[in-house]
Protein backbone atom coordinates (compact mmCIF):
# COMPACT_ATOMS: atom_id res chain seq x y z
CA MET A 1 -9.62 -2.40 -13.35
CA SER A 2 -7.05 -4.21 -12.10
CA LYS A 3 -7.58 -6.99 -10.14
CA ARG A 4 -3.80 -8.19 -10.41
CA GLY A 5 -3.03 -4.44 -8.71
CA THR A 6 -5.85 -4.58 -5.91
CA ASP A 7 -4.72 -8.01 -5.03
CA PHE A 8 -0.52 -6.93 -4.96
CA LEU A 9 -1.89 -3.25 -2.91
CA TYR A 10 -3.88 -5.69 -0.28
CA LYS A 11 -1.09 -8.57 0.04
CA TRP A 12 1.96 -5.98 0.44
CA ILE A 13 0.13 -3.49 3.22
CA PRO A 14 0.69 -6.44 6.13
CA ALA A 15 3.66 -7.75 4.81
CA TYR A 16 5.25 -4.39 4.87
CA VAL A 17 3.51 -1.98 7.16
CA PRO A 18 4.21 -2.64 10.87
CA GLU A 19 2.08 -2.02 13.63
CA THR A 20 4.64 0.22 15.36
CA VAL A 21 5.55 2.60 12.84
CA GLY A 22 4.48 6.24 12.69
CA ALA A 23 1.50 7.51 10.79
CA ASP A 24 3.79 10.96 9.63
CA VAL A 25 4.11 12.27 6.46
CA ILE A 26 7.37 10.75 5.41
CA SER A 27 6.84 7.35 6.86
CA VAL A 28 3.89 6.85 5.06
CA ALA A 29 5.59 8.38 1.67
CA GLU A 30 8.58 6.09 2.23
CA LEU A 31 6.38 3.16 2.31
CA THR A 32 4.14 4.32 -0.84
CA GLN A 33 7.60 4.74 -2.69
CA LYS A 34 8.58 1.22 -1.60
CA LEU A 35 5.19 -0.57 -2.48
CA PHE A 36 5.22 1.22 -5.96
CA ALA A 37 8.95 -0.01 -6.58
CA ASP A 38 8.08 -3.53 -5.35
CA ALA A 39 4.95 -3.57 -7.57
CA LYS A 40 7.07 -2.42 -10.57
CA SER A 41 9.71 -4.77 -9.89
CA VAL A 42 6.99 -7.68 -10.85
CA GLY A 43 5.49 -5.77 -13.86
CA ILE A 44 2.74 -3.91 -12.25
CA SER A 45 2.44 -0.22 -12.56
CA SER A 46 1.12 2.03 -9.99
CA VAL A 47 -1.50 3.41 -12.55
CA GLU A 48 -2.64 -0.53 -12.09
CA ILE A 49 -2.72 -0.14 -8.72
CA GLU A 50 -4.64 3.05 -8.18
CA GLU A 51 -7.14 2.55 -10.73
CA ASP A 52 -8.85 0.41 -8.75
CA THR A 53 -7.98 1.37 -5.19
CA GLY A 54 -7.55 4.95 -5.19
CA SER A 55 -4.75 6.44 -3.17
CA VAL A 56 -2.31 3.99 -1.92
CA TYR A 57 -0.78 6.67 0.11
CA GLU A 58 -4.62 6.53 1.99
CA ALA A 59 -5.08 3.08 2.28
CA ILE A 60 -1.13 2.86 3.74
CA LEU A 61 -2.29 5.49 6.11
CA ASP A 62 -5.87 3.89 7.18
CA ALA A 63 -3.53 0.91 7.69
CA ILE A 64 -1.03 2.47 10.27
CA VAL A 65 -4.06 4.48 11.95
CA HIS A 66 -6.07 1.48 12.21
CA HIS A 67 -3.09 -0.62 13.72
CA ASP A 68 -5.03 -3.20 11.40
CA ALA A 69 -2.68 -3.74 8.59
CA GLY A 70 -3.88 -7.27 8.18
CA LEU A 71 -7.54 -6.37 7.67
CA VAL A 72 -7.30 -3.50 5.55
CA GLY A 73 -9.44 -4.20 2.23
């Protein structure tokens, strides 16, 4: 398990998932790709994030749907 990957995800979501973004497939997919690119830039792989948190796509979608991006986790 990767606490570092989990911490990155839960800090990234409130910073980059605006409450006004739509919960459409393209928006969520674009945010997912941005998260993975940002993680890679600091040396965290997508596998490291998802091994403990599960699907990043689902975590972002959940944050959008519930409009509580700061409370995810």
